[in-house]
Amino acid sequence: MKKIVAIPTDGKDVSGHFGHCPLFYLFTVEDNEVIEKDFIENPGHQPGFLPRFLSEKGIDCILAGGMGNRAVELFKENGVEVVLGVRGPLDQVVEQYLNGTLETEGNTCDH
């Protein structure tokens, strides 16, 4: 089964705040292996917009450092898995997520 994992990024690392990142890297996964990488530019931080925008792009999971509670709830309402407290290089984070060894540190967003 195919799955698309999105990660807000600051360079080559996971962004500490989901809504303020410049890019979302997308990892298409099938049979627990990355089969494609792509990215989407962040169209801008507006309350409630990004969860709907990314859901419409077919995203199944978000791995992020931090995210506001409203965004978390909107993703969940759209069937998108949210994993918060994620830090580190993108490829490493995806690999750890896929093999079940991803360690999180709690939501780094304070609003």
PDB file of N, CA and C in Angstrom:
ATOM      1  N   MET A   1       0.832  -1.180   0.000  1.00  0.00           N
ATOM      2  CA  MET A   1       0.000   0.000   0.000  1.00  0.00           C
ATOM      3  C   MET A   1       0.883   1.252   0.000  1.00  0.00           C
ATOM      4  N   LYS A   2       0.577   2.190  -0.864  1.00  0.00           N
ATOM      5  CA  LYS A   2       1.326   3.444  -0.922  1.00  0.00           C
ATOM      6  C   LYS A   2       0.885   4.388   0.183  1.00  0.00           C
ATOM      7  N   LYS A   3       1.855   5.158   0.637  1.00  0.00           N
ATOM      8  CA  LYS A   3       1.612   6.136   1.696  1.00  0.00           C
ATOM      9  C   LYS A   3       2.515   7.321   1.416  1.00  0.00           C
ATOM     10  N   ILE A   4       2.013   8.536   1.629  1.00  0.00           N
ATOM     11  CA  ILE A   4       2.834   9.732   1.458  1.00  0.00           C
ATOM     12  C   ILE A   4       3.069  10.371   2.827  1.00  0.00           C
ATOM     13  N   VAL A   5       4.355  10.492   3.174  1.00  0.00           N
ATOM     14  CA  VAL A   5       4.766  11.097   4.431  1.00  0.00           C
ATOM     15  C   VAL A   5       5.327  12.480   4.116  1.00  0.00           C
ATOM     16  N   ALA A   6       4.816  13.498   4.795  1.00  0.00           N
ATOM     17  CA  ALA A   6       5.286  14.871   4.603  1.00  0.00           C
ATOM     18  C   ALA A   6       6.045  15.328   5.839  1.00  0.00           C
ATOM     19  N   ILE A   7       7.135  16.074   5.584  1.00  0.00           N
ATOM     20  CA  ILE A   7       7.949  16.594   6.685  1.00  0.00           C
ATOM     21  C   ILE A   7       8.235  18.070   6.420  1.00  0.00           C
ATOM     22  N   PRO A   8       7.828  18.960   7.344  1.00  0.00           N
ATOM     23  CA  PRO A   8       8.222  20.365   7.216  1.00  0.00           C
ATOM     24  C   PRO A   8       9.726  20.453   7.446  1.00  0.00           C
ATOM     25  N   THR A   9      10.407  21.234   6.621  1.00  0.00           N
ATOM     26  CA  THR A   9      11.860  21.216   6.686  1.00  0.00           C
ATOM     27  C   THR A   9      12.482  22.594   6.815  1.00  0.00           C
ATOM     28  N   ASP A  10      13.587  22.620   7.527  1.00  0.00           N
ATOM     29  CA  ASP A  10      14.520  23.748   7.572  1.00  0.00           C
ATOM     30  C   ASP A  10      15.816  23.196   7.003  1.00  0.00           C
ATOM     31  N   GLY A  11      16.062  23.393   5.747  1.00  0.00           N
ATOM     32  CA  GLY A  11      17.244  22.799   5.122  1.00  0.00           C
ATOM     33  C   GLY A  11      17.081  21.305   5.000  1.00  0.00           C
ATOM     34  N   LYS A  12      17.998  20.561   5.598  1.00  0.00           N
ATOM     35  CA  LYS A  12      17.956  19.099   5.518  1.00  0.00           C
ATOM     36  C   LYS A  12      17.408  18.467   6.790  1.00  0.00           C
ATOM     37  N   ASP A  13      16.925  19.294   7.711  1.00  0.00           N
ATOM     38  CA  ASP A  13      16.406  18.812   8.988  1.00  0.00           C
ATOM     39  C   ASP A  13      14.924  19.119   9.135  1.00  0.00           C
ATOM     40  N   VAL A  14      14.284  18.405  10.055  1.00  0.00           N
ATOM     41  CA  VAL A  14      12.878  18.636  10.383  1.00  0.00           C
ATOM     42  C   VAL A  14      12.746  20.020  11.008  1.00  0.00           C
ATOM     43  N   SER A  15      11.747  20.767  10.565  1.00  0.00           N
ATOM     44  CA  SER A  15      11.483  22.095  11.103  1.00  0.00           C
ATOM     45  C   SER A  15      10.861  21.993  12.496  1.00  0.00           C
ATOM     46  N   GLY A  16      11.230  22.922  13.356  1.00  0.00           N
ATOM     47  CA  GLY A  16      10.661  22.963  14.699  1.00  0.00           C
ATOM     48  C   GLY A  16       9.213  23.417  14.719  1.00  0.00           C
ATOM     49  N   HIS A  17       8.774  24.128  13.689  1.00  0.00           N
ATOM     50  CA  HIS A  17       7.396  24.601  13.635  1.00  0.00           C
ATOM     51  C   HIS A  17       6.805  24.350  12.262  1.00  0.00           C
ATOM     52  N   PHE A  18       5.838  23.506  12.228  1.00  0.00           N
ATOM     53  CA  PHE A  18       5.178  23.050  11.017  1.00  0.00           C
ATOM     54  C   PHE A  18       4.769  24.180  10.064  1.00  0.00           C
ATOM     55  N   GLY A  19       4.072  25.175  10.544  1.00  0.00           N
ATOM     56  CA  GLY A  19       3.489  26.199   9.679  1.00  0.00           C
ATOM     57  C   GLY A  19       4.458  27.214   9.110  1.00  0.00           C
ATOM     58  N   HIS A  20       5.636  27.341   9.705  1.00  0.00           N
ATOM     59  CA  HIS A  20       6.565  28.384   9.290  1.00  0.00           C
ATOM     60  C   HIS A  20       7.737  27.876   8.454  1.00  0.00           C
ATOM     61  N   CYS A  21       7.708  26.628   8.050  1.00  0.00           N
ATOM     62  CA  CYS A  21       8.792  26.079   7.238  1.00  0.00           C
ATOM     63  C   CYS A  21       8.685  26.581   5.791  1.00  0.00           C
ATOM     64  N   PRO A  22       9.790  26.615   5.053  1.00  0.00           N
ATOM     65  CA  PRO A  22       9.715  27.023   3.650  1.00  0.00           C
ATOM     66  C   PRO A  22       9.223  25.916   2.721  1.00  0.00           C
ATOM     67  N   LEU A  23       9.509  24.652   3.097  1.00  0.00           N
ATOM     68  CA  LEU A  23       9.165  23.514   2.231  1.00  0.00           C
ATOM     69  C   LEU A  23       8.631  22.345   3.038  1.00  0.00           C
ATOM     70  N   PHE A  24       7.825  21.531   2.362  1.00  0.00           N
ATOM     71  CA  PHE A  24       7.416  20.236   2.887  1.00  0.00           C
ATOM     72  C   PHE A  24       8.027  19.184   1.970  1.00  0.00           C
ATOM     73  N   TYR A  25       8.882  18.330   2.514  1.00  0.00           N
ATOM     74  CA  TYR A  25       9.407  17.222   1.717  1.00  0.00           C
ATOM     75  C   TYR A  25       8.423  16.074   1.787  1.00  0.00           C
ATOM     76  N   LEU A  26       8.201  15.441   0.653  1.00  0.00           N
ATOM     77  CA  LEU A  26       7.250  14.339   0.546  1.00  0.00           C
ATOM     78  C   LEU A  26       8.001  13.057   0.227  1.00  0.00           C
ATOM     79  N   PHE A  27       7.724  12.035   0.986  1.00  0.00           N
ATOM     80  CA  PHE A  27       8.314  10.723   0.771  1.00  0.00           C
ATOM     81  C   PHE A  27       7.183   9.759   0.460  1.00  0.00           C
ATOM     82  N   THR A  28       7.159   9.237  -0.759  1.00  0.00           N
ATOM     83  CA  THR A  28       6.168   8.229  -1.117  1.00  0.00           C
ATOM     84  C   THR A  28       6.754   6.878  -0.728  1.00  0.00           C
ATOM     85  N   VAL A  29       5.987   6.143   0.060  1.00  0.00           N
ATOM     86  CA  VAL A  29       6.453   4.889   0.634  1.00  0.00           C
ATOM     87  C   VAL A  29       5.552   3.757   0.148  1.00  0.00           C
ATOM     88  N   GLU A  30       6.183   2.651  -0.212  1.00  0.00           N
ATOM     89  CA  GLU A  30       5.437   1.443  -0.571  1.00  0.00           C
ATOM     90  C   GLU A  30       6.194   0.252  -0.009  1.00  0.00           C
ATOM     91  N   ASP A  31       5.474  -0.646   0.639  1.00  0.00           N
ATOM     92  CA  ASP A  31       6.094  -1.818   1.278  1.00  0.00           C
ATOM     93  C   ASP A  31       7.248  -1.399   2.188  1.00  0.00           C
ATOM     94  N   ASN A  32       7.020  -0.338   2.935  1.00  0.00           N
ATOM     95  CA  ASN A  32       7.969   0.177   3.928  1.00  0.00           C
ATOM     96  C   ASN A  32       9.295   0.665   3.336  1.00  0.00           C
ATOM     97  N   GLU A  33       9.297   1.019   2.057  1.00  0.00           N
ATOM     98  CA  GLU A  33      10.486   1.571   1.417  1.00  0.00           C
ATOM     99  C   GLU A  33      10.121   2.846   0.677  1.00  0.00           C
ATOM    100  N   VAL A  34      11.011   3.827   0.728  1.00  0.00           N
ATOM    101  CA  VAL A  34      10.804   5.083   0.008  1.00  0.00           C
ATOM    102  C   VAL A  34      11.006   4.812  -1.483  1.00  0.00           C
ATOM    103  N   ILE A  35       9.973   5.123  -2.282  1.00  0.00           N
ATOM    104  CA  ILE A  35      10.074   4.893  -3.720  1.00  0.00           C
ATOM    105  C   ILE A  35      10.145   6.201  -4.516  1.00  0.00           C
ATOM    106  N   GLU A  36       9.846   7.314  -3.839  1.00  0.00           N
ATOM    107  CA  GLU A  36       9.899   8.608  -4.517  1.00  0.00           C
ATOM    108  C   GLU A  36      10.048   9.721  -3.487  1.00  0.00           C
ATOM    109  N   LYS A  37      10.779  10.770  -3.866  1.00  0.00           N
ATOM    110  CA  LYS A  37      10.928  11.966  -3.031  1.00  0.00           C
ATOM    111  C   LYS A  37      10.531  13.170  -3.867  1.00  0.00           C
ATOM    112  N   ASP A  38       9.866  14.119  -3.227  1.00  0.00           N
ATOM    113  CA  ASP A  38       9.448  15.343  -3.896  1.00  0.00           C
ATOM    114  C   ASP A  38       9.306  16.413  -2.824  1.00  0.00           C
ATOM    115  N   PHE A  39       8.880  17.598  -3.208  1.00  0.00           N
ATOM    116  CA  PHE A  39       8.635  18.640  -2.218  1.00  0.00           C
ATOM    117  C   PHE A  39       7.517  19.552  -2.706  1.00  0.00           C
ATOM    118  N   ILE A  40       6.928  20.251  -1.750  1.00  0.00           N
ATOM    119  CA  ILE A  40       5.914  21.271  -2.009  1.00  0.00           C
ATOM    120  C   ILE A  40       6.360  22.512  -1.257  1.00  0.00           C
ATOM    121  N   GLU A  41       6.354  23.654  -1.918  1.00  0.00           N
ATOM    122  CA  GLU A  41       6.648  24.896  -1.212  1.00  0.00           C
ATOM    123  C   GLU A  41       5.480  25.234  -0.299  1.00  0.00           C
ATOM    124  N   ASN A  42       5.792  25.779   0.850  1.00  0.00           N
ATOM    125  CA  ASN A  42       4.760  26.214   1.780  1.00  0.00           C
ATOM    126  C   ASN A  42       4.076  27.454   1.181  1.00  0.00           C
ATOM    127  N   PRO A  43       2.771  27.360   0.901  1.00  0.00           N
ATOM    128  CA  PRO A  43       2.077  28.499   0.298  1.00  0.00           C
ATOM    129  C   PRO A  43       1.796  29.628   1.281  1.00  0.00           C
ATOM    130  N   GLY A  44       2.129  29.431   2.542  1.00  0.00           N
ATOM    131  CA  GLY A  44       1.930  30.481   3.540  1.00  0.00           C
ATOM    132  C   GLY A  44       1.197  29.976   4.753  1.00  0.00           C
ATOM    133  N   HIS A  45       1.526  30.562   5.877  1.00  0.00           N
ATOM    134  CA  HIS A  45       0.924  30.163   7.151  1.00  0.00           C
ATOM    135  C   HIS A  45      -0.344  30.964   7.389  1.00  0.00           C
ATOM    136  N   GLN A  46      -1.464  30.267   7.322  1.00  0.00           N
ATOM    137  CA  GLN A  46      -2.770  30.853   7.635  1.00  0.00           C
ATOM    138  C   GLN A  46      -3.496  29.845   8.512  1.00  0.00           C
ATOM    139  N   PRO A  47      -4.072  30.255   9.618  1.00  0.00           N
ATOM    140  CA  PRO A  47      -4.737  29.307  10.502  1.00  0.00           C
ATOM    141  C   PRO A  47      -5.742  28.422   9.754  1.00  0.00           C
ATOM    142  N   GLY A  48      -5.551  27.109   9.911  1.00  0.00           N
ATOM    143  CA  GLY A  48      -6.480  26.140   9.332  1.00  0.00           C
ATOM    144  C   GLY A  48      -6.249  25.800   7.871  1.00  0.00           C
ATOM    145  N   PHE A  49      -5.390  26.531   7.175  1.00  0.00           N
ATOM    146  CA  PHE A  49      -5.213  26.314   5.737  1.00  0.00           C
ATOM    147  C   PHE A  49      -4.337  25.108   5.412  1.00  0.00           C
ATOM    148  N   LEU A  50      -3.172  25.011   6.027  1.00  0.00           N
ATOM    149  CA  LEU A  50      -2.214  23.972   5.646  1.00  0.00           C
ATOM    150  C   LEU A  50      -2.717  22.544   5.850  1.00  0.00           C
ATOM    151  N   PRO A  51      -3.433  22.216   6.931  1.00  0.00           N
ATOM    152  CA  PRO A  51      -3.946  20.845   7.032  1.00  0.00           C
ATOM    153  C   PRO A  51      -4.863  20.472   5.863  1.00  0.00           C
ATOM    154  N   ARG A  52      -5.718  21.380   5.461  1.00  0.00           N
ATOM    155  CA  ARG A  52      -6.610  21.103   4.330  1.00  0.00           C
ATOM    156  C   ARG A  52      -5.805  21.000   3.032  1.00  0.00           C
ATOM    157  N   PHE A  53      -4.886  21.932   2.824  1.00  0.00           N
ATOM    158  CA  PHE A  53      -4.041  21.960   1.628  1.00  0.00           C
ATOM    159  C   PHE A  53      -3.263  20.656   1.475  1.00  0.00           C
ATOM    160  N   LEU A  54      -2.594  20.218   2.534  1.00  0.00           N
ATOM    161  CA  LEU A  54      -1.791  19.005   2.458  1.00  0.00           C
ATOM    162  C   LEU A  54      -2.664  17.753   2.359  1.00  0.00           C
ATOM    163  N   SER A  55      -3.795  17.740   3.034  1.00  0.00           N
ATOM    164  CA  SER A  55      -4.723  16.610   2.913  1.00  0.00           C
ATOM    165  C   SER A  55      -5.187  16.444   1.477  1.00  0.00           C
ATOM    166  N   GLU A  56      -5.476  17.555   0.813  1.00  0.00           N
ATOM    167  CA  GLU A  56      -5.911  17.517  -0.585  1.00  0.00           C
ATOM    168  C   GLU A  56      -4.798  17.037  -1.517  1.00  0.00           C
ATOM    169  N   LYS A  57      -3.537  17.137  -1.079  1.00  0.00           N
ATOM    170  CA  LYS A  57      -2.398  16.648  -1.863  1.00  0.00           C
ATOM    171  C   LYS A  57      -2.167  15.152  -1.654  1.00  0.00           C
ATOM    172  N   GLY A  58      -2.995  14.531  -0.826  1.00  0.00           N
ATOM    173  CA  GLY A  58      -2.893  13.091  -0.612  1.00  0.00           C
ATOM    174  C   GLY A  58      -1.950  12.664   0.493  1.00  0.00           C
ATOM    175  N   ILE A  59      -1.575  13.584   1.359  1.00  0.00           N
ATOM    176  CA  ILE A  59      -0.665  13.266   2.458  1.00  0.00           C
ATOM    177  C   ILE A  59      -1.369  12.339   3.454  1.00  0.00           C
ATOM    178  N   ASP A  60      -0.654  11.291   3.883  1.00  0.00           N
ATOM    179  CA  ASP A  60      -1.204  10.330   4.846  1.00  0.00           C
ATOM    180  C   ASP A  60      -0.638  10.515   6.250  1.00  0.00           C
ATOM    181  N   CYS A  61       0.549  11.129   6.337  1.00  0.00           N
ATOM    182  CA  CYS A  61       1.226  11.264   7.618  1.00  0.00           C
ATOM    183  C   CYS A  61       2.098  12.514   7.607  1.00  0.00           C
ATOM    184  N   ILE A  62       2.134  13.224   8.737  1.00  0.00           N
ATOM    185  CA  ILE A  62       3.005  14.385   8.933  1.00  0.00           C
ATOM    186  C   ILE A  62       3.957  14.059  10.078  1.00  0.00           C
ATOM    187  N   LEU A  63       5.261  14.219   9.836  1.00  0.00           N
ATOM    188  CA  LEU A  63       6.268  14.111  10.886  1.00  0.00           C
ATOM    189  C   LEU A  63       6.801  15.512  11.107  1.00  0.00           C
ATOM    190  N   ALA A  64       6.610  16.077  12.307  1.00  0.00           N
ATOM    191  CA  ALA A  64       6.974  17.479  12.544  1.00  0.00           C
ATOM    192  C   ALA A  64       7.557  17.659  13.937  1.00  0.00           C
ATOM    193  N   GLY A  65       8.308  18.746  14.079  1.00  0.00           N
ATOM    194  CA  GLY A  65       8.823  19.097  15.396  1.00  0.00           C
ATOM    195  C   GLY A  65       7.707  19.604  16.285  1.00  0.00           C
ATOM    196  N   GLY A  66       6.950  20.581  15.781  1.00  0.00           N
ATOM    197  CA  GLY A  66       5.858  21.154  16.548  1.00  0.00           C
ATOM    198  C   GLY A  66       4.734  21.621  15.661  1.00  0.00           C
ATOM    199  N   MET A  67       3.551  21.689  16.253  1.00  0.00           N
ATOM    200  CA  MET A  67       2.351  22.076  15.510  1.00  0.00           C
ATOM    201  C   MET A  67       1.286  22.521  16.514  1.00  0.00           C
ATOM    202  N   GLY A  68       0.526  23.536  16.136  1.00  0.00           N
ATOM    203  CA  GLY A  68      -0.572  23.986  16.986  1.00  0.00           C
ATOM    204  C   GLY A  68      -1.680  22.955  17.100  1.00  0.00           C
ATOM    205  N   ASN A  69      -2.414  23.014  18.195  1.00  0.00           N
ATOM    206  CA  ASN A  69      -3.482  22.040  18.454  1.00  0.00           C
ATOM    207  C   ASN A  69      -4.570  22.042  17.384  1.00  0.00           C
ATOM    208  N   ARG A  70      -4.913  23.209  16.872  1.00  0.00           N
ATOM    209  CA  ARG A  70      -5.956  23.282  15.838  1.00  0.00           C
ATOM    210  C   ARG A  70      -5.531  22.538  14.588  1.00  0.00           C
ATOM    211  N   ALA A  71      -4.282  22.696  14.171  1.00  0.00           N
ATOM    212  CA  ALA A  71      -3.777  21.990  12.998  1.00  0.00           C
ATOM    213  C   ALA A  71      -3.789  20.476  13.229  1.00  0.00           C
ATOM    214  N   VAL A  72      -3.386  20.042  14.411  1.00  0.00           N
ATOM    215  CA  VAL A  72      -3.401  18.611  14.741  1.00  0.00           C
ATOM    216  C   VAL A  72      -4.814  18.063  14.590  1.00  0.00           C
ATOM    217  N   GLU A  73      -5.775  18.754  15.159  1.00  0.00           N
ATOM    218  CA  GLU A  73      -7.166  18.298  15.088  1.00  0.00           C
ATOM    219  C   GLU A  73      -7.686  18.278  13.652  1.00  0.00           C
ATOM    220  N   LEU A  74      -7.351  19.286  12.863  1.00  0.00           N
ATOM    221  CA  LEU A  74      -7.792  19.314  11.462  1.00  0.00           C
ATOM    222  C   LEU A  74      -7.183  18.155  10.669  1.00  0.00           C
ATOM    223  N   PHE A  75      -5.930  17.851  10.899  1.00  0.00           N
ATOM    224  CA  PHE A  75      -5.330  16.700  10.228  1.00  0.00           C
ATOM    225  C   PHE A  75      -6.053  15.418  10.623  1.00  0.00           C
ATOM    226  N   LYS A  76      -6.268  15.236  11.908  1.00  0.00           N
ATOM    227  CA  LYS A  76      -6.935  14.021  12.384  1.00  0.00           C
ATOM    228  C   LYS A  76      -8.335  13.878  11.801  1.00  0.00           C
ATOM    229  N   GLU A  77      -9.057  14.994  11.693  1.00  0.00           N
ATOM    230  CA  GLU A  77     -10.393  14.965  11.088  1.00  0.00           C
ATOM    231  C   GLU A  77     -10.347  14.503   9.636  1.00  0.00           C
ATOM    232  N   ASN A  78      -9.205  14.730   8.977  1.00  0.00           N
ATOM    233  CA  ASN A  78      -9.035  14.324   7.585  1.00  0.00           C
ATOM    234  C   ASN A  78      -8.289  13.000   7.439  1.00  0.00           C
ATOM    235  N   GLY A  79      -8.121  12.276   8.535  1.00  0.00           N
ATOM    236  CA  GLY A  79      -7.506  10.960   8.485  1.00  0.00           C
ATOM    237  C   GLY A  79      -6.004  10.964   8.288  1.00  0.00           C
ATOM    238  N   VAL A  80      -5.342  12.075   8.626  1.00  0.00           N
ATOM    239  CA  VAL A  80      -3.895  12.188   8.473  1.00  0.00           C
ATOM    240  C   VAL A  80      -3.238  11.940   9.834  1.00  0.00           C
ATOM    241  N   GLU A  81      -2.308  10.994   9.872  1.00  0.00           N
ATOM    242  CA  GLU A  81      -1.552  10.707  11.083  1.00  0.00           C
ATOM    243  C   GLU A  81      -0.596  11.856  11.357  1.00  0.00           C
ATOM    244  N   VAL A  82      -0.474  12.269  12.619  1.00  0.00           N
ATOM    245  CA  VAL A  82       0.435  13.344  13.011  1.00  0.00           C
ATOM    246  C   VAL A  82       1.392  12.806  14.069  1.00  0.00           C
ATOM    247  N   VAL A  83       2.693  12.969  13.815  1.00  0.00           N
ATOM    248  CA  VAL A  83       3.718  12.584  14.778  1.00  0.00           C
ATOM    249  C   VAL A  83       4.519  13.843  15.084  1.00  0.00           C
ATOM    250  N   LEU A  84       4.530  14.246  16.357  1.00  0.00           N
ATOM    251  CA  LEU A  84       5.195  15.483  16.773  1.00  0.00           C
ATOM    252  C   LEU A  84       6.420  15.186  17.635  1.00  0.00           C
ATOM    253  N   GLY A  85       7.264  16.211  17.791  1.00  0.00           N
ATOM    254  CA  GLY A  85       8.464  16.068  18.597  1.00  0.00           C
ATOM    255  C   GLY A  85       9.589  15.397  17.832  1.00  0.00           C
ATOM    256  N   VAL A  86       9.506  15.457  16.496  1.00  0.00           N
ATOM    257  CA  VAL A  86      10.487  14.808  15.634  1.00  0.00           C
ATOM    258  C   VAL A  86      11.637  15.783  15.360  1.00  0.00           C
ATOM    259  N   ARG A  87      12.854  15.281  15.431  1.00  0.00           N
ATOM    260  CA  ARG A  87      14.041  16.090  15.141  1.00  0.00           C
ATOM    261  C   ARG A  87      15.028  15.254  14.346  1.00  0.00           C
ATOM    262  N   GLY A  88      15.839  15.959  13.531  1.00  0.00           N
ATOM    263  CA  GLY A  88      16.916  15.275  12.849  1.00  0.00           C
ATOM    264  C   GLY A  88      16.862  15.423  11.350  1.00  0.00           C
ATOM    265  N   PRO A  89      17.821  14.793  10.670  1.00  0.00           N
ATOM    266  CA  PRO A  89      17.877  14.827   9.211  1.00  0.00           C
ATOM    267  C   PRO A  89      16.694  14.071   8.589  1.00  0.00           C
ATOM    268  N   LEU A  90      16.171  14.602   7.505  1.00  0.00           N
ATOM    269  CA  LEU A  90      14.959  14.062   6.883  1.00  0.00           C
ATOM    270  C   LEU A  90      15.047  12.573   6.568  1.00  0.00           C
ATOM    271  N   ASP A  91      16.074  12.158   5.833  1.00  0.00           N
ATOM    272  CA  ASP A  91      16.175  10.745   5.435  1.00  0.00           C
ATOM    273  C   ASP A  91      16.256   9.827   6.649  1.00  0.00           C
ATOM    274  N   GLN A  92      16.988  10.248   7.652  1.00  0.00           N
ATOM    275  CA  GLN A  92      17.124   9.450   8.871  1.00  0.00           C
ATOM    276  C   GLN A  92      15.787   9.331   9.598  1.00  0.00           C
ATOM    277  N   VAL A  93      15.060  10.436   9.690  1.00  0.00           N
ATOM    278  CA  VAL A  93      13.762  10.451  10.370  1.00  0.00           C
ATOM    279  C   VAL A  93      12.774   9.522   9.664  1.00  0.00           C
ATOM    280  N   VAL A  94      12.738   9.571   8.348  1.00  0.00           N
ATOM    281  CA  VAL A  94      11.821   8.700   7.600  1.00  0.00           C
ATOM    282  C   VAL A  94      12.190   7.235   7.803  1.00  0.00           C
ATOM    283  N   GLU A  95      13.478   6.936   7.733  1.00  0.00           N
ATOM    284  CA  GLU A  95      13.925   5.555   7.936  1.00  0.00           C
ATOM    285  C   GLU A  95      13.519   5.054   9.322  1.00  0.00           C
ATOM    286  N   GLN A  96      13.723   5.881  10.345  1.00  0.00           N
ATOM    287  CA  GLN A  96      13.352   5.491  11.708  1.00  0.00           C
ATOM    288  C   GLN A  96      11.841   5.319  11.831  1.00  0.00           C
ATOM    289  N   TYR A  97      11.075   6.205  11.203  1.00  0.00           N
ATOM    290  CA  TYR A  97       9.609   6.085  11.231  1.00  0.00           C
ATOM    291  C   TYR A  97       9.182   4.749  10.615  1.00  0.00           C
ATOM    292  N   LEU A  98       9.757   4.418   9.482  1.00  0.00           N
ATOM    293  CA  LEU A  98       9.369   3.199   8.771  1.00  0.00           C
ATOM    294  C   LEU A  98       9.767   1.931   9.521  1.00  0.00           C
ATOM    295  N   ASN A  99      10.890   1.964  10.235  1.00  0.00           N
ATOM    296  CA  ASN A  99      11.277   0.736  10.948  1.00  0.00           C
ATOM    297  C   ASN A  99      10.846   0.735  12.415  1.00  0.00           C
ATOM    298  N   GLY A 100      10.060   1.735  12.817  1.00  0.00           N
ATOM    299  CA  GLY A 100       9.473   1.756  14.154  1.00  0.00           C
ATOM    300  C   GLY A 100      10.406   2.175  15.269  1.00  0.00           C
ATOM    301  N   THR A 101      11.505   2.859  14.925  1.00  0.00           N
ATOM    302  CA  THR A 101      12.458   3.275  15.957  1.00  0.00           C
ATOM    303  C   THR A 101      12.510   4.791  16.165  1.00  0.00           C
ATOM    304  N   LEU A 102      11.570   5.517  15.586  1.00  0.00           N
ATOM    305  CA  LEU A 102      11.556   6.971  15.701  1.00  0.00           C
ATOM    306  C   LEU A 102      11.253   7.393  17.132  1.00  0.00           C
ATOM    307  N   GLU A 103      12.145   8.182  17.706  1.00  0.00           N
ATOM    308  CA  GLU A 103      11.939   8.713  19.052  1.00  0.00           C
ATOM    309  C   GLU A 103      11.478  10.154  18.942  1.00  0.00           C
ATOM    310  N   THR A 104      10.492  10.519  19.750  1.00  0.00           N
ATOM    311  CA  THR A 104       9.961  11.873  19.715  1.00  0.00           C
ATOM    312  C   THR A 104      10.187  12.539  21.065  1.00  0.00           C
ATOM    313  N   GLU A 105      10.126  13.889  21.041  1.00  0.00           N
ATOM    314  CA  GLU A 105      10.405  14.666  22.245  1.00  0.00           C
ATOM    315  C   GLU A 105       9.229  15.524  22.679  1.00  0.00           C
ATOM    316  N   GLY A 106       8.036  15.254  22.172  1.00  0.00           N
ATOM    317  CA  GLY A 106       6.887  16.068  22.523  1.00  0.00           C
ATOM    318  C   GLY A 106       6.759  17.263  21.583  1.00  0.00           C
ATOM    319  N   ASN A 107       5.613  17.875  21.586  1.00  0.00           N
ATOM    320  CA  ASN A 107       5.307  18.992  20.691  1.00  0.00           C
ATOM    321  C   ASN A 107       6.169  20.201  21.061  1.00  0.00           C
ATOM    322  N   THR A 108       6.964  20.687  20.110  1.00  0.00           N
ATOM    323  CA  THR A 108       7.807  21.842  20.384  1.00  0.00           C
ATOM    324  C   THR A 108       7.087  23.169  20.167  1.00  0.00           C
ATOM    325  N   CYS A 109       5.841  23.121  19.725  1.00  0.00           N
ATOM    326  CA  CYS A 109       5.065  24.334  19.498  1.00  0.00           C
ATOM    327  C   CYS A 109       4.351  24.718  20.784  1.00  0.00           C
ATOM    328  N   ASP A 110       4.421  25.986  21.163  1.00  0.00           N
ATOM    329  CA  ASP A 110       3.845  26.391  22.451  1.00  0.00           C
ATOM    330  C   ASP A 110       2.557  27.187  22.323  1.00  0.00           C
ATOM    331  N   HIS A 111       1.880  27.093  21.180  1.00  0.00           N
ATOM    332  CA  HIS A 111       0.590  27.775  21.071  1.00  0.00           C
ATOM    333  C   HIS A 111      -0.445  26.899  20.405  1.00  0.00           C
TER     334      HIS A 111
END
